[in-house]
PDB file of N, CA and C in Angstrom:
ATOM      1  N   MET A   1      52.190   8.817  29.015  1.00  0.00           N
ATOM      2  CA  MET A   1      51.094   8.325  29.660  1.00  0.00           C
ATOM      3  C   MET A   1      49.757   8.907  29.075  1.00  0.00           C
ATOM      4  N   GLU A   2      48.813   7.947  28.804  1.00  0.00           N
ATOM      5  CA  GLU A   2      47.569   8.231  28.390  1.00  0.00           C
ATOM      6  C   GLU A   2      46.561   8.482  29.581  1.00  0.00           C
ATOM      7  N   ASP A   3      45.485   9.328  29.357  1.00  0.00           N
ATOM      8  CA  ASP A   3      44.626   9.630  30.366  1.00  0.00           C
ATOM      9  C   ASP A   3      44.021   8.332  30.963  1.00  0.00           C
ATOM     10  N   GLU A   4      43.840   7.318  30.162  1.00  0.00           N
ATOM     11  CA  GLU A   4      43.075   6.091  30.751  1.00  0.00           C
ATOM     12  C   GLU A   4      44.186   5.389  31.739  1.00  0.00           C
ATOM     13  N   GLU A   5      45.509   5.760  31.700  1.00  0.00           N
ATOM     14  CA  GLU A   5      46.338   5.132  32.480  1.00  0.00           C
ATOM     15  C   GLU A   5      46.513   5.648  33.864  1.00  0.00           C
ATOM     16  N   ILE A   6      45.970   6.885  33.936  1.00  0.00           N
ATOM     17  CA  ILE A   6      45.981   7.690  35.250  1.00  0.00           C
ATOM     18  C   ILE A   6      45.148   7.003  36.455  1.00  0.00           C
ATOM     19  N   ASP A   7      45.767   6.669  37.575  1.00  0.00           N
ATOM     20  CA  ASP A   7      45.051   6.074  38.750  1.00  0.00           C
ATOM     21  C   ASP A   7      44.352   7.245  39.492  1.00  0.00           C
ATOM     22  N   TYR A   8      43.135   7.393  39.514  1.00  0.00           N
ATOM     23  CA  TYR A   8      42.467   8.314  40.351  1.00  0.00           C
ATOM     24  C   TYR A   8      41.713   7.810  41.455  1.00  0.00           C
ATOM     25  N   SER A   9      41.971   6.538  41.901  1.00  0.00           N
ATOM     26  CA  SER A   9      41.314   5.852  42.972  1.00  0.00           C
ATOM     27  C   SER A   9      41.600   6.528  44.252  1.00  0.00           C
ATOM     28  N   ASP A  10      42.548   7.154  44.365  1.00  0.00           N
ATOM     29  CA  ASP A  10      42.825   7.882  45.821  1.00  0.00           C
ATOM     30  C   ASP A  10      42.249   9.269  45.918  1.00  0.00           C
ATOM     31  N   ILE A  11      41.557   9.650  44.933  1.00  0.00           N
ATOM     32  CA  ILE A  11      40.894  11.024  45.031  1.00  0.00           C
ATOM     33  C   ILE A  11      39.463  10.817  45.213  1.00  0.00           C
ATOM     34  N   PRO A  12      38.886  11.543  46.468  1.00  0.00           N
ATOM     35  CA  PRO A  12      37.571  11.284  46.714  1.00  0.00           C
ATOM     36  C   PRO A  12      36.639  11.958  45.583  1.00  0.00           C
ATOM     37  N   PRO A  13      35.488  11.433  45.508  1.00  0.00           N
ATOM     38  CA  PRO A  13      34.519  12.006  44.474  1.00  0.00           C
ATOM     39  C   PRO A  13      34.068  13.421  44.931  1.00  0.00           C
ATOM     40  N   LEU A  14      33.889  14.252  43.942  1.00  0.00           N
ATOM     41  CA  LEU A  14      33.364  15.608  44.289  1.00  0.00           C
ATOM     42  C   LEU A  14      31.816  15.654  44.366  1.00  0.00           C
ATOM     43  N   THR A  15      31.435  15.872  45.606  1.00  0.00           N
ATOM     44  CA  THR A  15      29.953  15.970  45.807  1.00  0.00           C
ATOM     45  C   THR A  15      29.285  17.271  45.673  1.00  0.00           C
ATOM     46  N   ASP A  16      27.946  17.204  45.691  1.00  0.00           N
ATOM     47  CA  ASP A  16      27.262  18.448  45.745  1.00  0.00           C
ATOM     48  C   ASP A  16      27.665  19.384  46.915  1.00  0.00           C
ATOM     49  N   GLN A  17      27.918  18.834  47.956  1.00  0.00           N
ATOM     50  CA  GLN A  17      28.222  19.625  49.218  1.00  0.00           C
ATOM     51  C   GLN A  17      29.636  20.372  48.708  1.00  0.00           C
ATOM     52  N   PHE A  18      30.561  19.597  48.160  1.00  0.00           N
ATOM     53  CA  PHE A  18      31.809  20.295  47.772  1.00  0.00           C
ATOM     54  C   PHE A  18      31.551  21.489  46.910  1.00  0.00           C
ATOM     55  N   PHE A  19      30.717  21.289  45.886  1.00  0.00           N
ATOM     56  CA  PHE A  19      30.435  22.520  44.976  1.00  0.00           C
ATOM     57  C   PHE A  19      29.601  23.640  45.571  1.00  0.00           C
ATOM     58  N   THR A  20      28.884  23.236  46.595  1.00  0.00           N
ATOM     59  CA  THR A  20      28.142  24.254  47.325  1.00  0.00           C
ATOM     60  C   THR A  20      29.006  25.200  48.093  1.00  0.00           C
ATOM     61  N   ARG A  21      30.054  24.681  48.742  1.00  0.00           N
ATOM     62  CA  ARG A  21      31.095  25.430  49.513  1.00  0.00           C
ATOM     63  C   ARG A  21      32.259  25.965  48.717  1.00  0.00           C
ATOM     64  N   ALA A  22      32.419  25.573  47.413  1.00  0.00           N
ATOM     65  CA  ALA A  22      33.605  25.910  46.612  1.00  0.00           C
ATOM     66  C   ALA A  22      33.443  27.388  46.259  1.00  0.00           C
ATOM     67  N   ARG A  23      34.674  28.057  46.247  1.00  0.00           N
ATOM     68  CA  ARG A  23      34.678  29.478  45.878  1.00  0.00           C
ATOM     69  C   ARG A  23      35.730  29.665  44.755  1.00  0.00           C
ATOM     70  N   LEU A  24      35.417  30.491  43.867  1.00  0.00           N
ATOM     71  CA  LEU A  24      36.446  30.890  42.819  1.00  0.00           C
ATOM     72  C   LEU A  24      37.073  32.146  43.276  1.00  0.00           C
ATOM     73  N   GLU A  25      38.571  32.136  43.527  1.00  0.00           N
ATOM     74  CA  GLU A  25      39.174  33.395  43.789  1.00  0.00           C
ATOM     75  C   GLU A  25      40.170  33.674  42.638  1.00  0.00           C
ATOM     76  N   LEU A  26      39.952  34.916  42.215  1.00  0.00           N
ATOM     77  CA  LEU A  26      41.048  35.330  41.179  1.00  0.00           C
ATOM     78  C   LEU A  26      41.996  36.351  41.876  1.00  0.00           C
ATOM     79  N   PRO A  27      43.095  36.271  41.212  1.00  0.00           N
ATOM     80  CA  PRO A  27      44.209  37.310  41.655  1.00  0.00           C
ATOM     81  C   PRO A  27      43.749  38.765  41.449  1.00  0.00           C
ATOM     82  N   ASN A  28      44.321  39.614  42.213  1.00  0.00           N
ATOM     83  CA  ASN A  28      44.145  40.986  41.905  1.00  0.00           C
ATOM     84  C   ASN A  28      44.908  41.388  40.507  1.00  0.00           C
ATOM     85  N   THR A  29      44.188  42.088  39.707  1.00  0.00           N
ATOM     86  CA  THR A  29      44.831  42.496  38.352  1.00  0.00           C
ATOM     87  C   THR A  29      44.715  43.942  38.099  1.00  0.00           C
ATOM     88  N   VAL A  30      45.673  44.501  37.565  1.00  0.00           N
ATOM     89  CA  VAL A  30      45.670  45.906  37.057  1.00  0.00           C
ATOM     90  C   VAL A  30      46.101  45.953  35.703  1.00  0.00           C
ATOM     91  N   VAL A  31      45.554  46.545  34.825  1.00  0.00           N
ATOM     92  CA  VAL A  31      46.074  46.698  33.483  1.00  0.00           C
ATOM     93  C   VAL A  31      46.888  47.962  33.413  1.00  0.00           C
ATOM     94  N   VAL A  32      48.179  47.591  32.927  1.00  0.00           N
ATOM     95  CA  VAL A  32      49.188  48.642  32.777  1.00  0.00           C
ATOM     96  C   VAL A  32      49.596  48.672  31.332  1.00  0.00           C
ATOM     97  N   ASP A  33      49.737  49.884  30.699  1.00  0.00           N
ATOM     98  CA  ASP A  33      50.111  49.873  29.416  1.00  0.00           C
ATOM     99  C   ASP A  33      51.383  49.195  29.262  1.00  0.00           C
ATOM    100  N   PRO A  34      51.526  48.608  28.038  1.00  0.00           N
ATOM    101  CA  PRO A  34      52.746  47.697  27.652  1.00  0.00           C
ATOM    102  C   PRO A  34      53.971  48.440  27.880  1.00  0.00           C
ATOM    103  N   ASP A  35      54.078  49.730  27.513  1.00  0.00           N
ATOM    104  CA  ASP A  35      55.296  50.378  27.475  1.00  0.00           C
ATOM    105  C   ASP A  35      55.865  50.770  28.888  1.00  0.00           C
ATOM    106  N   ILE A  36      54.877  51.038  29.725  1.00  0.00           N
ATOM    107  CA  ILE A  36      55.169  51.264  31.215  1.00  0.00           C
ATOM    108  C   ILE A  36      55.549  49.958  31.849  1.00  0.00           C
ATOM    109  N   LEU A  37      54.982  48.835  31.603  1.00  0.00           N
ATOM    110  CA  LEU A  37      55.306  47.473  32.126  1.00  0.00           C
ATOM    111  C   LEU A  37      56.802  47.124  31.573  1.00  0.00           C
ATOM    112  N   ASP A  38      57.020  47.339  30.331  1.00  0.00           N
ATOM    113  CA  ASP A  38      58.321  47.117  29.757  1.00  0.00           C
ATOM    114  C   ASP A  38      59.370  47.792  30.475  1.00  0.00           C
ATOM    115  N   TRP A  39      59.169  49.155  30.781  1.00  0.00           N
ATOM    116  CA  TRP A  39      60.111  50.065  31.439  1.00  0.00           C
ATOM    117  C   TRP A  39      60.461  49.507  32.770  1.00  0.00           C
ATOM    118  N   PHE A  40      59.422  49.065  33.587  1.00  0.00           N
ATOM    119  CA  PHE A  40      59.756  48.607  34.865  1.00  0.00           C
ATOM    120  C   PHE A  40      60.466  47.199  34.843  1.00  0.00           C
ATOM    121  N   LYS A  41      60.110  46.370  33.965  1.00  0.00           N
ATOM    122  CA  LYS A  41      60.539  44.951  33.755  1.00  0.00           C
ATOM    123  C   LYS A  41      62.018  45.135  33.330  1.00  0.00           C
ATOM    124  N   ASN A  42      62.362  46.153  32.497  1.00  0.00           N
ATOM    125  CA  ASN A  42      63.719  46.170  32.141  1.00  0.00           C
ATOM    126  C   ASN A  42      64.693  46.593  33.194  1.00  0.00           C
ATOM    127  N   ARG A  43      64.231  46.950  34.283  1.00  0.00           N
ATOM    128  CA  ARG A  43      65.055  47.447  35.370  1.00  0.00           C
ATOM    129  C   ARG A  43      65.190  46.419  36.495  1.00  0.00           C
ATOM    130  N   GLY A  44      64.673  45.238  36.283  1.00  0.00           N
ATOM    131  CA  GLY A  44      65.064  44.053  37.057  1.00  0.00           C
ATOM    132  C   GLY A  44      63.694  43.278  37.478  1.00  0.00           C
ATOM    133  N   GLU A  45      64.083  42.063  38.054  1.00  0.00           N
ATOM    134  CA  GLU A  45      62.914  41.152  38.386  1.00  0.00           C
ATOM    135  C   GLU A  45      61.987  41.788  39.394  1.00  0.00           C
ATOM    136  N   ASP A  46      62.444  42.473  40.330  1.00  0.00           N
ATOM    137  CA  ASP A  46      61.522  42.969  41.312  1.00  0.00           C
ATOM    138  C   ASP A  46      60.695  44.152  40.760  1.00  0.00           C
ATOM    139  N   TYR A  47      60.236  44.176  39.512  1.00  0.00           N
ATOM    140  CA  TYR A  47      59.453  45.167  39.015  1.00  0.00           C
ATOM    141  C   TYR A  47      58.073  45.455  39.736  1.00  0.00           C
ATOM    142  N   THR A  48      57.466  44.538  40.126  1.00  0.00           N
ATOM    143  CA  THR A  48      56.155  44.527  40.878  1.00  0.00           C
ATOM    144  C   THR A  48      56.409  45.297  42.232  1.00  0.00           C
ATOM    145  N   ALA A  49      57.503  45.101  42.804  1.00  0.00           N
ATOM    146  CA  ALA A  49      57.758  45.858  44.075  1.00  0.00           C
ATOM    147  C   ALA A  49      57.963  47.305  43.792  1.00  0.00           C
ATOM    148  N   ARG A  50      58.763  47.634  42.633  1.00  0.00           N
ATOM    149  CA  ARG A  50      58.943  49.049  42.204  1.00  0.00           C
ATOM    150  C   ARG A  50      57.646  49.731  41.997  1.00  0.00           C
ATOM    151  N   ILE A  51      56.825  48.933  41.161  1.00  0.00           N
ATOM    152  CA  ILE A  51      55.483  49.537  40.820  1.00  0.00           C
ATOM    153  C   ILE A  51      54.692  49.907  42.036  1.00  0.00           C
ATOM    154  N   ASN A  52      54.759  49.083  42.978  1.00  0.00           N
ATOM    155  CA  ASN A  52      54.002  49.352  44.234  1.00  0.00           C
ATOM    156  C   ASN A  52      54.718  50.481  45.027  1.00  0.00           C
ATOM    157  N   ALA A  53      55.983  50.594  45.013  1.00  0.00           N
ATOM    158  CA  ALA A  53      56.567  51.660  45.646  1.00  0.00           C
ATOM    159  C   ALA A  53      56.190  53.020  44.980  1.00  0.00           C
ATOM    160  N   VAL A  54      56.176  53.084  43.738  1.00  0.00           N
ATOM    161  CA  VAL A  54      55.777  54.212  42.967  1.00  0.00           C
ATOM    162  C   VAL A  54      54.339  54.677  43.427  1.00  0.00           C
ATOM    163  N   LEU A  55      53.414  53.690  43.246  1.00  0.00           N
ATOM    164  CA  LEU A  55      52.036  53.964  43.746  1.00  0.00           C
ATOM    165  C   LEU A  55      51.895  54.474  45.194  1.00  0.00           C
ATOM    166  N   ARG A  56      52.623  53.820  46.021  1.00  0.00           N
ATOM    167  CA  ARG A  56      52.588  54.283  47.457  1.00  0.00           C
ATOM    168  C   ARG A  56      53.169  55.707  47.546  1.00  0.00           C
ATOM    169  N   HIS A  57      54.140  56.033  46.853  1.00  0.00           N
ATOM    170  CA  HIS A  57      54.715  57.491  47.007  1.00  0.00           C
ATOM    171  C   HIS A  57      53.596  58.378  46.434  1.00  0.00           C
ATOM    172  N   TYR A  58      53.011  58.096  45.309  1.00  0.00           N
ATOM    173  CA  TYR A  58      51.854  58.920  44.755  1.00  0.00           C
ATOM    174  C   TYR A  58      50.689  59.093  45.743  1.00  0.00           C
ATOM    175  N   ILE A  59      50.368  58.031  46.422  1.00  0.00           N
ATOM    176  CA  ILE A  59      49.239  58.142  47.463  1.00  0.00           C
ATOM    177  C   ILE A  59      49.733  58.882  48.626  1.00  0.00           C
ATOM    178  N   LYS A  60      50.840  58.814  48.984  1.00  0.00           N
ATOM    179  CA  LYS A  60      51.450  59.563  50.145  1.00  0.00           C
ATOM    180  C   LYS A  60      51.360  61.134  49.763  1.00  0.00           C
ATOM    181  N   ARG A  61      51.897  61.411  48.681  1.00  0.00           N
ATOM    182  CA  ARG A  61      51.833  62.908  48.132  1.00  0.00           C
ATOM    183  C   ARG A  61      50.425  63.460  48.024  1.00  0.00           C
ATOM    184  N   GLN A  62      49.404  62.635  47.539  1.00  0.00           N
ATOM    185  CA  GLN A  62      48.177  62.955  47.431  1.00  0.00           C
ATOM    186  C   GLN A  62      47.442  63.208  48.785  1.00  0.00           C
ATOM    187  N   GLU A  63      47.821  62.408  49.746  1.00  0.00           N
ATOM    188  CA  GLU A  63      47.299  62.523  51.152  1.00  0.00           C
ATOM    189  C   GLU A  63      47.927  63.744  51.707  1.00  0.00           C
ATOM    190  N   GLU A  64      49.026  64.065  51.563  1.00  0.00           N
ATOM    191  CA  GLU A  64      49.667  65.155  52.103  1.00  0.00           C
ATOM    192  C   GLU A  64      49.146  66.392  51.643  1.00  0.00           C
ATOM    193  N   ALA A  65      48.748  66.505  50.237  1.00  0.00           N
ATOM    194  CA  ALA A  65      48.400  67.675  49.590  1.00  0.00           C
ATOM    195  C   ALA A  65      46.811  67.973  50.024  1.00  0.00           C
ATOM    196  N   ALA A  66      46.218  66.926  50.385  1.00  0.00           N
ATOM    197  CA  ALA A  66      44.778  67.135  50.765  1.00  0.00           C
ATOM    198  C   ALA A  66      44.488  67.860  52.049  1.00  0.00           C
TER     199      ALA A  66
END
């Protein structure tokens, strides 16, 4: 399908009011060294949960030491 063939008639026009209220929200991002990310990824699909668990454990130990 070519762009010219797409029916946009059911989409309302974007007004100045829309752009006044529009907000851009970006996801949270953290830069992790590639080797560390690979290590976690190689241990399963839930690697983000494990990274969070390690960070929570670190925070807890830091708070206990304070």
